[in-house]
Structures are given as structure tokens and as C-alpha cells.
Amino acid sequence: MSVQSYFILGRPLNSILAGSAVAIGALAALSAPLTTTQLWYIILGCITTGFISAYGYAINDIFDIEIDKINVPHRPIPSGSVSLNGAKWFSVITLSLGLAFAVLIDFIAILLALSGIILLYLYAAHFKRSGFPGNLIVALLAAIPFVFGGFVTQSYTTLIYPASFAFLINLGRELIKDIEDVDGDKLENVQSIALRYGVKPARNLAYIILFALVIIIPFPILLRYYTSVPFFIAVILIMGSILYTVPLSFNHSEDLIIHNTTSIKKILKICMTIGVIGFMSEGIINLIKFTFN
């Protein structure tokens, strides 16, 4: 057992990315000059989210130990480089550190941290194979860091936009992923929408959610909350990319729809990246604007 194995268990890159979403949400929602206190809270929020994300990855691996022995035997727990008891202690320590840093912010931060911890546990322990409830939890977990950032800067009006983007695109992508995995889910007894009701109803629900995103995402521009050129370009690219996927999923047989989900998933992943860059650029421009004006 080594420190490196525990490091890998917490998936540091993913945890850092989750933590950075707090900063992106905070700066994108900024409506006044950033104070020293707000900057301190943003840093604490990033650290809080990073540790809680590491807890989530560890607790997920703990519950998936038998499956991982088959699917990913090189991971720290199934490979034996981290014992099951060691992984449990790792999850307790990262959870405790996440809460400790949240306490340094305020009561709202504690509530958001606790919400993330509870959702991560429920997902790993009970809802990972539940289908749509599990999809909702994944989408909520993606949105919480952006909400966290908005609360840190007390910009309650504009925090809804990055949070809504994260929630809707992750929920739509989870449903598309369920269509792709429908054959494997039969063996794992996953109660996904695609398995319970059919591929086409799952596709229809996914696109209702994605079309809702297409309608909502221009609102910050129309309401002049966000005015930067990079964000405008990001919105156009996301809307165009989602609409581009429509011919891949409609007017086809179920087999072809399933086949095309791999491409659709990749396009939605690109949309996520474009969206994060768009909100990040808006945040950087806000920071520069309020710092030097």
C-alpha cells in the first residue's frame, strides 16, 4: 500500500475539476467587485468540493468492489494496493476534511456540502442501478458546485444559469448513456428508462431535456446578465451541436439509435467542455471588469 494508491483512489484530476467548478460558478455570477472575504470563500469552496469529490469516488469504489474485480481490476481496491478498510478510512478522512473546510465558510456551505455527501452515498449504495433516480442524482451532483460558487459570492440571480446548464446537459447525457448501455444493463438488472420503457421513450425524454437546455441557455444573453463574446460563441456552438445530434437519433431503428449514441455522447461531452469554457471566460471578464473599473 502506498500514498500514490490512495491518491489514485480519490481521482485527483476529476476532484480538482469538480473543485474548479465552484470558482467558475462564483466568478460567472459575480455582479460586484470581488472582496477579499469572497476570494477566501471561493478558495475554501474549491477545497471543500475537491475533498468531497474524492470521498465520492472512494465510496463508489467501495460499493463496486466485486464488479471492479472484473471490469477494472487495476483500480486500487480490487488490485489490493488499497485495502477495503483503508478505503473506508480514506472516505471518512476526505469527508471530514470537506466538512471542516465548509464550516470555515458559512451555514449554507455546510448544507451544500452535506447535500453532496448524502447524494454521493445514496447514489453509490442504492441508486446507481435504479435508472432515472440515479440519473437525477448525477445531474444534481454536477450542478451543486456551481450553486456553491454562486452562494459564495451571494449572486443568487445568475448562479441558476451555470447550475441549470450542468444539470440539464448531464441529465440528458445520462439518458443517452443508458440507451448505449441497454444490453449490458439487462445483465446488471439496471432499471433504466431505456430498459423499462424502451429505447425510443428514453430518447424522447433525453431530447425534451436537451431541447429545454437549448431554450434556456441563451437567456443570460437576452437578459444581459452575460455579455461577453466568448460566452455568446459558446452558446451558439452548444445550441448548434445539440441540434446536430437530432438526425442521429430520430427516424432510425432502435439498433441504429443505440449505435449512434456513442457519437451523441461525445458531442454532448464537447458541449460540456464548451459550456465550462464559456462560463469560465465570463467569470474572468467579470473579474477583470470589476477589478480595473
Protein backbone atom coordinates (compact mmCIF):
# COMPACT_ATOMS: atom_id res chain seq x y z
CA MET A 1 0.00 0.00 0.00
CA SER A 2 1.33 3.45 -0.93
CA VAL A 3 0.34 7.09 -0.76
CA GLN A 4 0.11 7.04 -4.56
CA SER A 5 -2.56 4.32 -4.43
CA TYR A 6 -4.72 6.41 -2.10
CA PHE A 7 -4.10 9.40 -4.36
CA ILE A 8 -5.40 7.41 -7.34
CA LEU A 9 -8.41 6.24 -5.30
CA GLY A 10 -9.59 9.85 -4.96
CA ARG A 11 -9.20 10.51 -8.72
CA PRO A 12 -7.30 13.78 -8.16
CA LEU A 13 -7.80 15.28 -11.63
CA ASN A 14 -11.58 14.78 -11.51
CA SER A 15 -11.71 16.09 -7.94
CA ILE A 16 -9.72 19.19 -8.90
CA LEU A 17 -12.05 19.79 -11.86
CA ALA A 18 -15.07 19.49 -9.55
CA GLY A 19 -13.49 21.99 -7.17
CA SER A 20 -12.75 24.42 -10.02
CA ALA A 21 -16.49 24.46 -10.86
CA VAL A 22 -17.01 26.41 -7.61
CA ALA A 23 -14.64 29.13 -8.81
CA ILE A 24 -16.23 29.18 -12.27
CA GLY A 25 -19.73 29.45 -10.78
CA ALA A 26 -18.62 32.17 -8.36
CA LEU A 27 -16.88 34.35 -10.93
CA ALA A 28 -19.54 33.84 -13.63
CA ALA A 29 -22.18 35.02 -11.13
CA LEU A 30 -20.10 37.99 -9.97
CA SER A 31 -22.05 41.26 -10.07
CA ALA A 32 -19.77 43.48 -8.00
CA PRO A 33 -16.04 43.78 -7.23
CA LEU A 34 -14.64 40.65 -5.62
CA THR A 35 -13.90 41.16 -1.94
CA THR A 36 -11.05 39.55 -0.02
CA THR A 37 -13.61 37.58 2.01
CA GLN A 38 -15.29 36.30 -1.15
CA LEU A 39 -11.93 35.28 -2.63
CA TRP A 40 -11.13 33.38 0.57
CA TYR A 41 -14.51 31.68 0.50
CA ILE A 42 -14.04 30.70 -3.16
CA ILE A 43 -10.73 29.03 -2.30
CA LEU A 44 -12.32 27.24 0.65
CA GLY A 45 -15.26 26.20 -1.54
CA CYS A 46 -12.91 24.71 -4.15
CA ILE A 47 -11.06 22.74 -1.47
CA THR A 48 -14.33 21.59 0.13
CA THR A 49 -15.68 20.33 -3.18
CA GLY A 50 -12.40 18.65 -4.08
CA PHE A 51 -12.31 16.64 -0.86
CA ILE A 52 -16.00 15.70 -1.07
CA SER A 53 -15.50 14.57 -4.67
CA ALA A 54 -12.59 12.38 -3.57
CA TYR A 55 -14.88 10.91 -0.90
CA GLY A 56 -17.49 10.20 -3.57
CA TYR A 57 -15.04 8.35 -5.81
CA ALA A 58 -13.79 6.29 -2.86
CA ILE A 59 -17.26 5.35 -1.61
CA ASN A 60 -18.26 4.41 -5.15
CA ASP A 61 -15.25 2.08 -5.46
CA ILE A 62 -16.05 0.55 -2.06
CA PHE A 63 -19.57 -0.42 -3.13
CA ASP A 64 -18.41 -1.54 -6.59
CA ILE A 65 -15.56 -3.75 -5.39
CA GLU A 66 -16.96 -7.02 -6.81
CA ILE A 67 -17.84 -5.51 -10.20
CA ASP A 68 -14.47 -3.71 -10.37
CA LYS A 69 -12.63 -7.01 -9.82
CA ILE A 70 -13.97 -7.97 -13.26
CA ASN A 71 -14.22 -4.64 -15.10
CA VAL A 72 -11.27 -2.61 -13.74
CA PRO A 73 -9.03 -4.99 -11.73
CA HIS A 74 -6.16 -2.45 -11.86
CA ARG A 75 -8.05 0.03 -9.62
CA PRO A 76 -6.58 0.45 -6.10
CA ILE A 77 -9.12 -1.66 -4.15
CA PRO A 78 -9.54 -4.70 -6.47
CA SER A 79 -5.78 -4.77 -7.16
CA GLY A 80 -5.09 -4.89 -3.43
CA SER A 81 -2.91 -1.75 -3.38
CA VAL A 82 -5.54 -0.23 -1.05
CA SER A 83 -7.36 -2.46 1.44
CA LEU A 84 -11.12 -2.21 1.83
CA ASN A 85 -10.63 -0.98 5.39
CA GLY A 86 -8.06 1.56 4.17
CA ALA A 87 -10.51 2.82 1.53
CA LYS A 88 -13.18 3.25 4.20
CA TRP A 89 -10.78 5.30 6.33
CA PHE A 90 -9.85 7.35 3.24
CA SER A 91 -13.54 8.11 2.63
CA VAL A 92 -14.03 9.14 6.28
CA ILE A 93 -10.97 11.42 6.23
CA THR A 94 -11.84 13.13 2.92
CA LEU A 95 -15.47 13.55 4.03
CA SER A 96 -14.33 15.08 7.34
CA LEU A 97 -11.88 17.42 5.64
CA GLY A 98 -14.55 18.55 3.18
CA LEU A 99 -16.94 19.35 6.02
CA ALA A 100 -14.20 21.06 8.03
CA PHE A 101 -13.45 23.49 5.21
CA ALA A 102 -17.19 24.09 4.66
CA VAL A 103 -17.52 25.07 8.34
CA LEU A 104 -14.99 27.85 7.70
CA ILE A 105 -17.35 29.40 5.13
CA ASP A 106 -20.91 29.56 6.47
CA PHE A 107 -24.07 27.58 7.25
CA ILE A 108 -25.19 27.45 3.59
CA ALA A 109 -21.83 25.95 2.63
CA ILE A 110 -22.27 23.27 5.30
CA LEU A 111 -25.74 22.43 3.96
CA LEU A 112 -24.49 22.20 0.37
CA ALA A 113 -21.54 20.05 1.45
CA LEU A 114 -23.83 17.73 3.42
CA SER A 115 -26.21 17.53 0.44
CA GLY A 116 -23.33 16.44 -1.80
CA ILE A 117 -22.10 13.88 0.73
CA ILE A 118 -25.57 12.36 1.20
CA LEU A 119 -26.27 12.24 -2.54
CA LEU A 120 -22.90 10.61 -3.25
CA TYR A 121 -23.53 7.94 -0.64
CA LEU A 122 -27.11 7.28 -1.76
CA TYR A 123 -26.01 7.01 -5.37
CA ALA A 124 -23.22 4.53 -4.62
CA ALA A 125 -25.22 2.48 -2.11
CA HIS A 126 -28.74 2.44 -3.55
CA PHE A 127 -29.38 4.38 -6.75
CA LYS A 128 -26.53 3.57 -9.14
CA ARG A 129 -28.64 0.88 -10.82
CA SER A 130 -32.03 2.48 -10.22
CA GLY A 131 -32.26 4.17 -13.61
CA PHE A 132 -33.78 7.64 -13.70
CA PRO A 133 -33.42 8.39 -9.95
CA GLY A 134 -29.71 7.67 -10.33
CA ASN A 135 -29.58 9.91 -13.41
CA LEU A 136 -31.15 12.74 -11.41
CA ILE A 137 -28.60 12.35 -8.62
CA VAL A 138 -25.68 12.50 -11.09
CA ALA A 139 -27.14 15.67 -12.64
CA LEU A 140 -27.70 17.28 -9.21
CA LEU A 141 -24.13 16.46 -8.18
CA ALA A 142 -22.87 18.16 -11.34
CA ALA A 143 -24.89 21.29 -10.55
CA ILE A 144 -24.09 21.66 -6.83
CA PRO A 145 -20.53 23.08 -7.24
CA PHE A 146 -21.86 25.90 -9.46
CA VAL A 147 -24.60 26.63 -6.92
CA PHE A 148 -21.91 26.62 -4.23
CA GLY A 149 -19.94 29.23 -6.19
CA GLY A 150 -22.97 31.47 -6.65
CA PHE A 151 -23.77 31.37 -2.94
CA VAL A 152 -20.16 32.17 -2.06
CA THR A 153 -20.38 35.46 -4.00
CA GLN A 154 -24.03 35.96 -2.95
CA SER A 155 -25.03 36.34 -6.62
CA TYR A 156 -28.26 34.41 -6.35
CA THR A 157 -29.84 35.55 -9.63
CA THR A 158 -27.14 34.46 -12.03
CA LEU A 159 -26.00 31.27 -10.28
CA ILE A 160 -29.01 29.49 -11.77
CA TYR A 161 -27.54 29.58 -15.30
CA PRO A 162 -24.33 27.55 -14.89
CA ALA A 163 -26.15 25.25 -12.44
CA SER A 164 -29.03 24.69 -14.90
CA PHE A 165 -26.58 24.05 -17.73
CA ALA A 166 -24.70 21.45 -15.69
CA PHE A 167 -27.91 19.78 -14.52
CA LEU A 168 -29.67 19.55 -17.89
CA ILE A 169 -26.73 18.50 -20.06
CA ASN A 170 -25.64 15.85 -17.56
CA LEU A 171 -29.19 14.52 -17.22
CA GLY A 172 -29.62 14.35 -20.99
CA ARG A 173 -26.26 12.66 -21.41
CA GLU A 174 -27.02 10.12 -18.67
CA LEU A 175 -30.20 9.09 -20.52
CA ILE A 176 -28.29 8.79 -23.80
CA LYS A 177 -25.67 6.70 -21.99
CA ASP A 178 -28.44 4.43 -20.67
CA ILE A 179 -29.56 3.81 -24.26
CA GLU A 180 -25.99 2.91 -25.22
CA ASP A 181 -25.72 0.52 -22.25
CA VAL A 182 -29.13 -1.12 -22.63
CA ASP A 183 -27.78 -4.60 -23.45
CA GLY A 184 -25.30 -4.61 -20.59
CA ASP A 185 -27.90 -3.19 -18.20
CA LYS A 186 -30.06 -6.26 -18.78
CA LEU A 187 -27.31 -8.39 -17.25
CA GLU A 188 -26.77 -5.94 -14.35
CA ASN A 189 -30.53 -5.51 -13.77
CA VAL A 190 -30.29 -1.72 -14.08
CA GLN A 191 -33.79 -0.25 -14.13
CA SER A 192 -33.09 2.45 -16.72
CA ILE A 193 -35.77 4.23 -18.74
CA ALA A 194 -34.39 2.59 -21.89
CA LEU A 195 -34.67 -0.89 -20.37
CA ARG A 196 -38.04 -0.45 -18.64
CA TYR A 197 -39.92 1.53 -21.29
CA GLY A 198 -37.87 1.18 -24.45
CA VAL A 199 -35.11 2.93 -26.36
CA LYS A 200 -37.37 5.45 -28.11
CA PRO A 201 -39.15 6.71 -24.95
CA ALA A 202 -35.71 7.14 -23.34
CA ARG A 203 -34.51 9.03 -26.39
CA ASN A 204 -37.62 11.24 -26.36
CA LEU A 205 -37.10 12.13 -22.70
CA ALA A 206 -33.41 12.85 -23.31
CA TYR A 207 -34.26 15.25 -26.11
CA ILE A 208 -37.01 17.00 -24.16
CA ILE A 209 -34.30 17.76 -21.58
CA LEU A 210 -31.72 18.75 -24.20
CA PHE A 211 -34.22 20.98 -26.03
CA ALA A 212 -35.02 22.63 -22.69
CA LEU A 213 -31.30 23.39 -22.44
CA VAL A 214 -31.30 24.86 -25.96
CA ILE A 215 -34.16 27.17 -24.92
CA ILE A 216 -32.67 28.17 -21.56
CA ILE A 217 -29.01 28.70 -22.40
CA PRO A 218 -29.46 31.96 -24.42
CA PHE A 219 -31.40 33.60 -21.55
CA PRO A 220 -28.33 35.12 -19.80
CA ILE A 221 -27.52 36.90 -23.07
CA LEU A 222 -31.10 38.02 -23.73
CA LEU A 223 -31.38 39.35 -20.18
CA ARG A 224 -27.89 40.89 -20.49
CA TYR A 225 -26.53 39.10 -17.44
CA TYR A 226 -23.72 37.73 -19.62
CA THR A 227 -22.43 39.95 -22.41
CA SER A 228 -19.01 38.57 -23.40
CA VAL A 229 -18.26 37.45 -26.95
CA PRO A 230 -16.76 34.09 -25.80
CA PHE A 231 -19.95 33.21 -23.94
CA PHE A 232 -22.06 34.16 -27.00
CA ILE A 233 -19.89 31.92 -29.19
CA ALA A 234 -20.17 29.09 -26.64
CA VAL A 235 -23.97 29.36 -26.65
CA ILE A 236 -24.14 29.23 -30.45
CA LEU A 237 -21.81 26.21 -30.57
CA ILE A 238 -23.77 24.33 -27.89
CA MET A 239 -27.15 25.00 -29.49
CA GLY A 240 -25.83 24.02 -32.93
CA SER A 241 -24.15 20.87 -31.62
CA ILE A 242 -27.27 19.63 -29.82
CA LEU A 243 -29.44 20.28 -32.86
CA TYR A 244 -26.80 18.49 -34.99
CA THR A 245 -27.38 15.30 -32.97
CA VAL A 246 -31.11 15.19 -33.79
CA PRO A 247 -30.73 13.36 -37.16
CA LEU A 248 -28.53 10.79 -35.40
CA SER A 249 -31.33 9.83 -33.02
CA PHE A 250 -34.60 10.22 -34.91
CA ASN A 251 -36.19 8.36 -37.85
CA HIS A 252 -34.00 5.32 -37.22
CA SER A 253 -34.45 1.79 -35.96
CA GLU A 254 -33.70 1.08 -32.30
CA ASP A 255 -30.45 -0.69 -33.24
CA LEU A 256 -29.21 2.34 -35.18
CA ILE A 257 -30.26 4.71 -32.40
CA ILE A 258 -28.22 2.61 -29.95
CA HIS A 259 -25.28 2.58 -32.38
CA ASN A 260 -25.37 6.39 -32.76
CA THR A 261 -25.39 7.06 -29.01
CA THR A 262 -21.58 6.82 -28.90
CA SER A 263 -21.30 9.80 -31.27
CA ILE A 264 -24.04 11.72 -29.46
CA LYS A 265 -22.33 11.15 -26.10
CA LYS A 266 -19.05 12.52 -27.48
CA ILE A 267 -20.79 15.59 -28.89
CA LEU A 268 -22.50 16.26 -25.54
CA LYS A 269 -19.14 15.87 -23.77
CA ILE A 270 -17.73 18.51 -26.12
CA CYS A 271 -20.76 20.70 -25.31
CA MET A 272 -19.98 20.35 -21.60
CA THR A 273 -16.41 21.49 -22.21
CA ILE A 274 -17.53 24.41 -24.38
CA GLY A 275 -20.06 25.42 -21.71
CA VAL A 276 -17.48 25.35 -18.93
CA ILE A 277 -15.10 27.43 -21.07
CA GLY A 278 -17.93 29.88 -21.82
CA PHE A 279 -18.84 30.35 -18.16
CA MET A 280 -15.16 30.49 -17.21
CA SER A 281 -14.46 33.23 -19.77
CA GLU A 282 -17.47 35.18 -18.49
CA GLY A 283 -16.07 34.84 -14.97
CA ILE A 284 -12.59 36.02 -15.98
CA ILE A 285 -14.07 39.00 -17.84
CA ASN A 286 -16.22 39.84 -14.80
CA LEU A 287 -13.16 39.68 -12.56
CA ILE A 288 -11.14 41.96 -14.86
CA LYS A 289 -14.06 44.36 -15.30
CA PHE A 290 -14.78 44.78 -11.59
CA THR A 291 -11.09 44.87 -10.65
CA PHE A 292 -9.95 47.58 -13.05
CA ASN A 293 -13.13 49.68 -13.49
